[in-house]
Amino acid sequence: GRAPYRWSAIARLWRALHSPPPPGDARLTPQRRRRLRHMLQALDGRTFGATYRDIAEVMFGVPRVASDPWKTSALRDTTVRLVRDGLAMVGGGYRDLLRHRRRT
């Protein structure tokens, strides 16, 4: 019956709970990992109807966004790029993260 499969699943779970976690991917720097997270957060906000300014205020803080005129703000440009790059990532760009880069 199903008993061997269940025992196998229980054994895998046990090993996963009691063994050290695998090492992180050294190809992703902490800065790149943070940017990827921000891209997905910005895209998520935009998908649910938030304006670029709303997204920037959540990500960078209201005082920082209010400190410069919005139309010429570097934070506006950053927010627009995060959403654009998030769209590209969701549209298939994530595959680039999975490819191993060759060392030259």
C-alpha atoms as a PDB file:
ATOM      1  CA  GLY A   1       0.000   0.000   0.000  1.00  0.00           C
ATOM      2  CA  ARG A   2       1.044   3.510   0.810  1.00  0.00           C
ATOM      3  CA  ALA A   3       3.045   2.722   3.937  1.00  0.00           C
ATOM      4  CA  PRO A   4       6.491   2.670   2.234  1.00  0.00           C
ATOM      5  CA  TYR A   5       5.846   6.099   0.701  1.00  0.00           C
ATOM      6  CA  ARG A   6       4.716   7.513   4.025  1.00  0.00           C
ATOM      7  CA  TRP A   7       7.763   6.109   5.820  1.00  0.00           C
ATOM      8  CA  SER A   8       9.982   7.588   3.129  1.00  0.00           C
ATOM      9  CA  ALA A   9       8.293  10.993   3.531  1.00  0.00           C
ATOM     10  CA  ILE A  10       8.632  10.808   7.319  1.00  0.00           C
ATOM     11  CA  ALA A  11      12.327   9.915   6.988  1.00  0.00           C
ATOM     12  CA  ARG A  12      12.943  12.886   4.631  1.00  0.00           C
ATOM     13  CA  LEU A  13      11.128  15.221   7.024  1.00  0.00           C
ATOM     14  CA  TRP A  14      13.127  13.908   9.980  1.00  0.00           C
ATOM     15  CA  ARG A  15      16.419  14.450   8.136  1.00  0.00           C
ATOM     16  CA  ALA A  16      15.369  17.946   7.078  1.00  0.00           C
ATOM     17  CA  LEU A  17      14.460  18.889  10.658  1.00  0.00           C
ATOM     18  CA  HIS A  18      17.603  17.471  12.229  1.00  0.00           C
ATOM     19  CA  SER A  19      20.339  18.293   9.762  1.00  0.00           C
ATOM     20  CA  PRO A  20      22.025  21.655   9.264  1.00  0.00           C
ATOM     21  CA  PRO A  21      20.504  23.892   6.616  1.00  0.00           C
ATOM     22  CA  PRO A  22      22.207  23.919   3.236  1.00  0.00           C
ATOM     23  CA  PRO A  23      24.632  26.764   2.617  1.00  0.00           C
ATOM     24  CA  GLY A  24      23.255  29.849   0.928  1.00  0.00           C
ATOM     25  CA  ASP A  25      23.853  30.526  -2.743  1.00  0.00           C
ATOM     26  CA  ALA A  26      27.169  32.385  -2.925  1.00  0.00           C
ATOM     27  CA  ARG A  27      26.246  33.798  -6.339  1.00  0.00           C
ATOM     28  CA  LEU A  28      23.735  36.155  -4.708  1.00  0.00           C
ATOM     29  CA  THR A  29      25.245  38.942  -2.670  1.00  0.00           C
ATOM     30  CA  PRO A  30      23.207  40.350   0.210  1.00  0.00           C
ATOM     31  CA  GLN A  31      22.618  43.500  -1.885  1.00  0.00           C
ATOM     32  CA  ARG A  32      21.319  41.476  -4.845  1.00  0.00           C
ATOM     33  CA  ARG A  33      19.094  39.399  -2.568  1.00  0.00           C
ATOM     34  CA  ARG A  34      17.655  42.601  -1.030  1.00  0.00           C
ATOM     35  CA  ARG A  35      17.028  44.098  -4.481  1.00  0.00           C
ATOM     36  CA  LEU A  36      15.225  40.948  -5.620  1.00  0.00           C
ATOM     37  CA  ARG A  37      13.006  41.125  -2.538  1.00  0.00           C
ATOM     38  CA  HIS A  38      12.289  44.824  -3.194  1.00  0.00           C
ATOM     39  CA  MET A  39      11.465  44.103  -6.837  1.00  0.00           C
ATOM     40  CA  LEU A  40       8.849  41.548  -5.856  1.00  0.00           C
ATOM     41  CA  GLN A  41       7.434  43.769  -3.103  1.00  0.00           C
ATOM     42  CA  ALA A  42       7.158  46.722  -5.502  1.00  0.00           C
ATOM     43  CA  LEU A  43       5.518  44.569  -8.169  1.00  0.00           C
ATOM     44  CA  ASP A  44       3.116  43.148  -5.606  1.00  0.00           C
ATOM     45  CA  GLY A  45       2.079  46.658  -4.565  1.00  0.00           C
ATOM     46  CA  ARG A  46       1.643  47.772  -8.153  1.00  0.00           C
ATOM     47  CA  THR A  47      -0.386  44.660  -9.002  1.00  0.00           C
ATOM     48  CA  PHE A  48      -2.809  45.540  -6.205  1.00  0.00           C
ATOM     49  CA  GLY A  49      -3.280  49.112  -7.432  1.00  0.00           C
ATOM     50  CA  ALA A  50      -0.720  51.075  -5.433  1.00  0.00           C
ATOM     51  CA  THR A  51       0.792  54.111  -7.094  1.00  0.00           C
ATOM     52  CA  TYR A  52       4.543  54.410  -7.490  1.00  0.00           C
ATOM     53  CA  ARG A  53       4.500  57.021  -4.754  1.00  0.00           C
ATOM     54  CA  ASP A  54       2.560  54.721  -2.401  1.00  0.00           C
ATOM     55  CA  ILE A  55       5.132  51.996  -3.029  1.00  0.00           C
ATOM     56  CA  ALA A  56       8.041  54.364  -2.453  1.00  0.00           C
ATOM     57  CA  GLU A  57       6.528  55.614   0.809  1.00  0.00           C
ATOM     58  CA  VAL A  58       6.218  52.060   2.108  1.00  0.00           C
ATOM     59  CA  MET A  59       9.686  51.019   0.979  1.00  0.00           C
ATOM     60  CA  PHE A  60      11.684  54.167   1.744  1.00  0.00           C
ATOM     61  CA  GLY A  61       9.517  56.008   4.299  1.00  0.00           C
ATOM     62  CA  VAL A  62       7.188  58.977   3.956  1.00  0.00           C
ATOM     63  CA  PRO A  63       9.705  61.597   5.176  1.00  0.00           C
ATOM     64  CA  ARG A  64      12.335  60.503   2.672  1.00  0.00           C
ATOM     65  CA  VAL A  65       9.860  60.535  -0.235  1.00  0.00           C
ATOM     66  CA  ALA A  66       8.491  63.940   0.814  1.00  0.00           C
ATOM     67  CA  SER A  67      11.982  65.490   1.007  1.00  0.00           C
ATOM     68  CA  ASP A  68      12.253  65.914  -2.804  1.00  0.00           C
ATOM     69  CA  PRO A  69       9.789  66.891  -5.539  1.00  0.00           C
ATOM     70  CA  TRP A  70       8.215  63.584  -6.620  1.00  0.00           C
ATOM     71  CA  LYS A  71       8.369  64.067 -10.410  1.00  0.00           C
ATOM     72  CA  THR A  72      12.171  64.525 -10.354  1.00  0.00           C
ATOM     73  CA  SER A  73      12.915  62.293  -7.377  1.00  0.00           C
ATOM     74  CA  ALA A  74      15.594  59.608  -7.564  1.00  0.00           C
ATOM     75  CA  LEU A  75      13.333  57.485  -5.351  1.00  0.00           C
ATOM     76  CA  ARG A  76      10.612  57.697  -8.020  1.00  0.00           C
ATOM     77  CA  ASP A  77      13.054  56.472 -10.655  1.00  0.00           C
ATOM     78  CA  THR A  78      14.195  53.660  -8.352  1.00  0.00           C
ATOM     79  CA  THR A  79      10.610  52.610  -7.664  1.00  0.00           C
ATOM     80  CA  VAL A  80       9.710  52.559 -11.359  1.00  0.00           C
ATOM     81  CA  ARG A  81      12.813  50.443 -12.091  1.00  0.00           C
ATOM     82  CA  LEU A  82      11.981  48.042  -9.268  1.00  0.00           C
ATOM     83  CA  VAL A  83       8.494  47.472 -10.669  1.00  0.00           C
ATOM     84  CA  ARG A  84       9.811  47.134 -14.242  1.00  0.00           C
ATOM     85  CA  ASP A  85      12.520  44.680 -13.200  1.00  0.00           C
ATOM     86  CA  GLY A  86      10.031  42.779 -11.031  1.00  0.00           C
ATOM     87  CA  LEU A  87       7.780  42.351 -14.065  1.00  0.00           C
ATOM     88  CA  ALA A  88      10.729  41.030 -16.061  1.00  0.00           C
ATOM     89  CA  MET A  89      11.645  38.645 -13.235  1.00  0.00           C
ATOM     90  CA  VAL A  90       8.128  37.232 -12.989  1.00  0.00           C
ATOM     91  CA  GLY A  91       7.937  37.059 -16.786  1.00  0.00           C
ATOM     92  CA  GLY A  92      10.811  34.588 -16.945  1.00  0.00           C
ATOM     93  CA  GLY A  93      13.872  36.503 -15.796  1.00  0.00           C
ATOM     94  CA  TYR A  94      14.036  34.378 -12.664  1.00  0.00           C
ATOM     95  CA  ARG A  95      15.565  31.668 -14.857  1.00  0.00           C
ATOM     96  CA  ASP A  96      18.763  33.717 -14.994  1.00  0.00           C
ATOM     97  CA  LEU A  97      19.107  33.180 -11.249  1.00  0.00           C
ATOM     98  CA  LEU A  98      19.022  29.436 -11.751  1.00  0.00           C
ATOM     99  CA  ARG A  99      21.757  29.340 -14.370  1.00  0.00           C
ATOM    100  CA  HIS A 100      25.258  28.659 -13.125  1.00  0.00           C
ATOM    101  CA  ARG A 101      27.670  31.297 -14.278  1.00  0.00           C
ATOM    102  CA  ARG A 102      30.916  30.088 -15.709  1.00  0.00           C
ATOM    103  CA  ARG A 103      34.040  31.447 -14.145  1.00  0.00           C
ATOM    104  CA  THR A 104      36.473  32.990 -16.593  1.00  0.00           C
END
